[in-house]
Amino acid sequence: MGMLHHVFDITDIQAEKMTNTFWWTGTSGKPGDSVVMYIIDGRGKVSREETNVDMKKGDGIQALNHHTGGLYIIPQPYAHILFVTFTAARVFQKDGKWCVEQKKIPDEAEELEKMLHPLAGYYLNKLHQMWAENQSDYSQIVPYFHHVMEEIEQAQISEEKSAECGIKAARHYIDHHFHDDIPVQKLLSCSTLSSSAFYKGFKSYTGKTPRQYIIHKRMKEAGRLLQSTSMPIFRVAQEVGYEDSYYFSRLFKQYSGLSPQEFQKRCRRDDSQVSLENQRW
């Protein structure tokens, strides 16, 4: 559902010139409101827990107002920042009736990351100029803010499509090379994504981390070999990428609930396909 089905109400606008590290816990808006932070001039770093985002003129991020834990803003050496606090609601039809549901943008669990498209920056600059001329009337500013959010959404959709293609490329590589030792850098190269975007996207797309997905592929292939061949356990381990057959056996039991020997015996005894659907990864 596109951003045209969202409505916004600006609750507060502030602009601050900072030269010292600042612990930001929110604006005068309500907890749960959303905030766009836009670098009008200068540069700096925004930090939350273990996440650091370098910011320069024209960059921006979204955060929740009064977010749990707050944010560190570190000017380098100064940063002129525009804070636009707003509420967002999703408008949709249900059973033939129009409904309005408050929406948090972003979700509290989302990672801190830059999100502005250049055109969104243009509208934010325009918004800042209009606000500087009349700080008491937001009515003329809201339409520009709608443009900002539309551009942000379009940029996110484009990034998501690009990320999905990258994740598919990395997964395809794993599917054909899972029996090899696959360095993370090779997967990053296949995906053309940053490390954080790759890990986040891969987990979202496959439901597994890259390591879990590799183990999943190896165990499925090991099960196939144990079912369809008389290959000894140590050879099965080598075929799927493990020189240490004892380590392989421990992993296989964690994955299937059976040791390779037990699995192989059950296949031979039952003369049927034993399911591996109870895997823990």
Protein backbone atom coordinates (compact mmCIF):
# COMPACT_ATOMS: atom_id res chain seq x y z
CA MET A 1 0.00 0.00 0.00
CA GLY A 2 1.58 3.28 -1.10
CA MET A 3 2.39 6.31 0.97
CA LEU A 4 -0.62 8.07 -0.59
CA HIS A 5 -2.65 5.94 1.83
CA HIS A 6 -0.84 7.49 4.78
CA VAL A 7 -1.62 10.83 6.38
CA PHE A 8 0.70 12.96 8.48
CA ASP A 9 0.38 15.72 11.03
CA ILE A 10 3.44 17.74 12.03
CA THR A 11 3.49 18.26 15.80
CA ASP A 12 6.82 20.04 16.24
CA ILE A 13 9.70 21.54 14.24
CA GLN A 14 13.07 22.50 15.70
CA ALA A 15 16.44 23.45 14.25
CA GLU A 16 19.56 23.16 16.39
CA LYS A 17 23.19 24.11 15.74
CA MET A 18 25.37 21.75 17.74
CA THR A 19 29.09 21.81 18.49
CA ASN A 20 29.17 19.41 21.44
CA THR A 21 28.11 15.80 21.84
CA PHE A 22 24.42 15.73 22.64
CA TRP A 23 22.26 13.02 24.23
CA TRP A 24 18.99 13.24 22.33
CA THR A 25 15.95 11.71 24.01
CA GLY A 26 13.24 13.36 21.95
CA THR A 27 11.50 16.58 21.01
CA SER A 28 8.51 18.22 22.67
CA GLY A 29 6.22 15.94 20.69
CA LYS A 30 4.51 12.93 22.21
CA PRO A 31 6.29 9.62 22.92
CA GLY A 32 5.59 7.33 19.98
CA ASP A 33 5.58 10.18 17.47
CA SER A 34 8.08 9.86 14.65
CA VAL A 35 10.97 12.22 13.92
CA VAL A 36 12.90 13.03 10.75
CA MET A 37 16.37 14.37 11.56
CA TYR A 38 17.93 16.20 8.61
CA ILE A 39 21.45 17.67 8.40
CA ILE A 40 21.01 21.21 7.08
CA ASP A 41 24.74 21.90 7.28
CA GLY A 42 27.88 20.41 8.78
CA ARG A 43 28.43 16.77 9.60
CA GLY A 44 28.49 14.38 12.50
CA LYS A 45 27.62 10.94 13.77
CA VAL A 46 24.42 9.54 15.23
CA SER A 47 24.84 6.59 17.56
CA ARG A 48 22.49 4.14 19.27
CA GLU A 49 23.78 1.13 21.20
CA GLU A 50 26.28 -0.51 18.79
CA THR A 51 25.04 1.25 15.64
CA ASN A 52 26.88 4.31 14.32
CA VAL A 53 25.71 6.30 11.30
CA ASP A 54 27.95 8.94 9.73
CA MET A 55 25.94 11.96 8.63
CA LYS A 56 26.79 14.88 6.34
CA LYS A 57 24.89 17.78 4.82
CA GLY A 58 21.81 16.46 3.01
CA ASP A 59 21.61 13.20 4.98
CA GLY A 60 18.77 12.25 7.26
CA ILE A 61 17.42 9.48 9.44
CA GLN A 62 14.07 8.55 10.93
CA ALA A 63 13.64 7.72 14.61
CA LEU A 64 10.90 7.35 17.17
CA ASN A 65 10.40 10.28 19.52
CA HIS A 66 11.58 9.38 23.03
CA HIS A 67 12.98 6.13 21.66
CA THR A 68 14.04 3.69 24.36
CA GLY A 69 17.68 4.46 25.15
CA GLY A 70 17.87 7.70 23.17
CA LEU A 71 20.51 8.69 20.61
CA TYR A 72 23.97 10.23 20.81
CA ILE A 73 24.51 13.06 18.32
CA ILE A 74 28.21 13.78 17.84
CA PRO A 75 28.98 16.92 15.75
CA GLN A 76 32.22 16.80 13.68
CA PRO A 77 32.98 19.64 14.39
CA TYR A 78 29.45 21.07 14.10
CA ALA A 79 26.05 20.03 12.84
CA HIS A 80 22.98 22.12 12.03
CA ILE A 81 20.06 19.70 12.36
CA LEU A 82 16.38 20.04 11.51
CA PHE A 83 14.02 17.95 13.65
CA VAL A 84 10.53 17.39 12.23
CA THR A 85 8.25 15.54 14.65
CA PHE A 86 5.07 14.05 13.22
CA THR A 87 2.31 11.54 13.72
CA ALA A 88 1.46 9.09 10.95
CA ALA A 89 -1.70 7.14 10.29
CA ARG A 90 -2.57 4.49 7.72
CA VAL A 91 -5.88 4.90 5.90
CA PHE A 92 -7.48 1.72 4.56
CA GLN A 93 -10.80 0.13 3.70
CA LYS A 94 -12.25 -2.76 5.69
CA ASP A 95 -15.68 -4.26 5.11
CA GLY A 96 -16.54 -1.32 2.87
CA LYS A 97 -15.63 1.26 5.51
CA TRP A 98 -12.67 3.61 5.70
CA CYS A 99 -10.48 3.04 8.76
CA VAL A 100 -7.59 5.01 10.25
CA GLU A 101 -4.80 3.30 12.18
CA GLN A 102 -1.88 5.08 13.84
CA LYS A 103 1.46 3.94 12.47
CA LYS A 104 4.97 4.18 13.88
CA ILE A 105 7.59 5.18 11.31
CA PRO A 106 10.05 3.56 11.78
CA ASP A 107 9.22 0.59 13.95
CA GLU A 108 11.09 0.68 17.27
CA ALA A 109 12.95 -2.51 16.41
CA GLU A 110 14.32 -1.21 13.10
CA GLU A 111 17.99 -0.44 12.76
CA LEU A 112 19.24 3.12 12.63
CA GLU A 113 20.18 3.98 9.05
CA LYS A 114 20.24 6.83 6.55
CA MET A 115 17.05 7.00 4.54
CA LEU A 116 16.87 10.21 2.52
CA HIS A 117 16.51 10.47 -1.23
CA PRO A 118 18.02 13.67 -2.76
CA LEU A 119 14.57 14.94 -3.74
CA ALA A 120 13.38 14.41 -0.15
CA GLY A 121 16.28 16.62 0.91
CA TYR A 122 15.12 19.31 -1.50
CA TYR A 123 11.65 19.32 0.07
CA LEU A 124 13.10 19.36 3.59
CA ASN A 125 15.23 22.38 2.72
CA LYS A 126 12.13 24.10 1.37
CA LEU A 127 10.21 23.10 4.49
CA HIS A 128 12.98 24.56 6.68
CA GLN A 129 12.94 27.86 4.79
CA MET A 130 9.16 28.18 5.12
CA TRP A 131 9.27 27.30 8.82
CA ALA A 132 12.04 29.86 9.44
CA GLU A 133 9.80 32.55 7.93
CA ASN A 134 6.73 31.56 9.96
CA GLN A 135 7.32 29.23 12.90
CA SER A 136 3.73 29.28 14.15
CA ASP A 137 1.87 27.99 11.09
CA TYR A 138 2.46 24.45 9.85
CA SER A 139 -0.46 24.37 7.40
CA GLN A 140 1.67 25.43 4.40
CA ILE A 141 4.45 23.05 5.40
CA VAL A 142 2.52 19.78 5.62
CA PRO A 143 2.15 19.32 1.81
CA TYR A 144 5.95 19.52 1.46
CA PHE A 145 6.30 16.93 4.20
CA HIS A 146 3.98 14.59 2.30
CA HIS A 147 6.37 14.92 -0.66
CA VAL A 148 9.29 14.10 1.66
CA MET A 149 7.65 10.89 2.88
CA GLU A 150 6.61 9.85 -0.64
CA GLU A 151 10.20 10.21 -1.86
CA ILE A 152 11.51 8.28 1.14
CA GLU A 153 9.09 5.44 0.45
CA GLN A 154 9.96 5.29 -3.25
CA ALA A 155 13.67 5.21 -2.40
CA GLN A 156 13.06 2.42 0.11
CA ILE A 157 11.07 0.39 -2.43
CA SER A 158 13.89 0.76 -4.96
CA GLU A 159 16.49 -0.23 -2.35
CA GLU A 160 14.43 -3.24 -1.28
CA LYS A 161 14.16 -4.47 -4.88
CA SER A 162 17.90 -4.04 -5.35
CA ALA A 163 18.58 -5.78 -2.03
CA GLU A 164 16.31 -8.69 -2.97
CA CYS A 165 18.23 -9.22 -6.22
CA GLY A 166 21.49 -9.16 -4.26
CA ILE A 167 20.22 -11.66 -1.69
CA LYS A 168 19.00 -13.98 -4.46
CA ALA A 169 22.45 -13.84 -6.07
CA ALA A 170 24.14 -14.73 -2.76
CA ARG A 171 21.67 -17.53 -2.09
CA HIS A 172 22.19 -18.91 -5.60
CA TYR A 173 25.94 -18.98 -4.96
CA ILE A 174 25.43 -20.87 -1.68
CA ASP A 175 23.06 -23.33 -3.38
CA HIS A 176 25.83 -24.30 -5.81
CA HIS A 177 28.87 -24.05 -3.51
CA PHE A 178 27.61 -24.99 -0.04
CA HIS A 179 30.09 -27.89 0.14
CA ASP A 180 32.97 -25.40 -0.15
CA ASP A 181 34.35 -23.06 2.49
CA ILE A 182 32.47 -19.85 1.60
CA PRO A 183 34.01 -16.62 2.94
CA VAL A 184 31.58 -13.89 3.94
CA GLN A 185 33.35 -11.48 1.61
CA LYS A 186 32.38 -13.68 -1.34
CA LEU A 187 28.70 -13.44 -0.39
CA LEU A 188 28.97 -9.68 0.07
CA SER A 189 30.57 -9.45 -3.36
CA CYS A 190 27.73 -11.50 -4.90
CA SER A 191 25.08 -9.35 -3.27
CA THR A 192 26.81 -5.95 -3.82
CA LEU A 193 25.30 -4.93 -0.45
CA SER A 194 26.90 -3.51 2.67
CA SER A 195 27.54 -5.99 5.47
CA SER A 196 24.65 -4.75 7.64
CA ALA A 197 22.20 -4.62 4.71
CA PHE A 198 23.25 -8.10 3.57
CA TYR A 199 22.78 -9.78 6.95
CA LYS A 200 19.48 -8.02 7.58
CA GLY A 201 18.17 -8.79 4.07
CA PHE A 202 19.35 -12.40 4.04
CA LYS A 203 17.62 -13.18 7.35
CA SER A 204 14.45 -11.44 6.16
CA TYR A 205 14.43 -13.25 2.79
CA THR A 206 15.41 -16.78 3.91
CA GLY A 207 14.48 -16.82 7.60
CA LYS A 208 18.06 -17.85 8.36
CA THR A 209 21.48 -16.29 8.80
CA PRO A 210 23.98 -17.11 6.02
CA ARG A 211 25.72 -19.64 8.28
CA GLN A 212 22.41 -21.30 9.18
CA TYR A 213 21.44 -21.45 5.52
CA ILE A 214 24.76 -23.10 4.56
CA ILE A 215 24.33 -25.69 7.33
CA HIS A 216 20.73 -26.25 6.21
CA LYS A 217 21.87 -26.97 2.64
CA ARG A 218 24.66 -29.27 3.85
CA MET A 219 22.40 -31.27 6.16
CA LYS A 220 19.71 -31.69 3.49
CA GLU A 221 22.32 -32.98 1.06
CA ALA A 222 23.80 -35.24 3.74
CA GLY A 223 20.34 -36.70 4.37
CA ARG A 224 19.91 -37.35 0.66
CA LEU A 225 23.27 -39.14 0.46
CA LEU A 226 22.55 -41.22 3.56
CA GLN A 227 19.18 -42.26 2.11
CA SER A 228 20.20 -42.99 -1.45
CA THR A 229 23.79 -44.29 -1.24
CA SER A 230 25.86 -46.71 0.81
CA MET A 231 28.53 -44.05 1.31
CA PRO A 232 30.27 -44.27 4.71
CA ILE A 233 29.66 -41.46 7.20
CA PHE A 234 33.12 -39.89 6.85
CA ARG A 235 32.68 -39.69 3.06
CA VAL A 236 29.24 -38.10 3.42
CA ALA A 237 30.80 -35.54 5.76
CA GLN A 238 33.50 -34.73 3.20
CA GLU A 239 30.99 -34.50 0.36
CA VAL A 240 29.02 -31.78 2.16
CA GLY A 241 32.04 -29.82 3.36
CA TYR A 242 33.23 -31.30 6.68
CA GLU A 243 36.62 -32.96 7.12
CA ASP A 244 35.83 -33.71 10.77
CA SER A 245 33.23 -36.49 10.71
CA TYR A 246 32.63 -36.21 14.47
CA TYR A 247 31.73 -32.53 14.14
CA PHE A 248 29.50 -33.39 11.19
CA SER A 249 27.74 -36.09 13.22
CA ARG A 250 27.01 -33.66 16.06
CA LEU A 251 25.57 -31.10 13.64
CA PHE A 252 23.48 -33.70 11.85
CA LYS A 253 21.95 -34.91 15.12
CA GLN A 254 21.17 -31.34 16.16
CA TYR A 255 19.54 -30.81 12.78
CA SER A 256 17.54 -34.05 12.41
CA GLY A 257 17.27 -35.47 15.93
CA LEU A 258 19.14 -38.58 14.76
CA SER A 259 22.81 -39.38 14.39
CA PRO A 260 23.92 -40.15 10.81
CA GLN A 261 24.21 -43.85 11.75
CA GLU A 262 20.70 -43.90 13.25
CA PHE A 263 19.30 -42.03 10.27
CA GLN A 264 20.97 -44.42 7.81
CA LYS A 265 19.75 -47.51 9.71
CA ARG A 266 16.20 -46.20 9.80
CA CYS A 267 16.28 -45.53 6.06
CA ARG A 268 17.47 -49.08 5.38
CA ARG A 269 15.05 -50.67 7.85
CA ASP A 270 11.99 -48.80 6.65
CA ASP A 271 13.09 -48.82 3.00
CA SER A 272 11.40 -45.43 2.73
CA GLN A 273 12.18 -41.75 2.75
CA VAL A 274 12.82 -40.45 6.27
CA SER A 275 11.72 -36.85 6.68
CA LEU A 276 14.18 -34.14 7.65
CA GLU A 277 11.45 -31.59 8.25
CA ASN A 278 12.09 -31.42 12.01
CA GLN A 279 15.31 -29.52 11.52
CA ARG A 280 16.13 -26.85 14.11
CA TRP A 281 17.54 -24.32 11.64
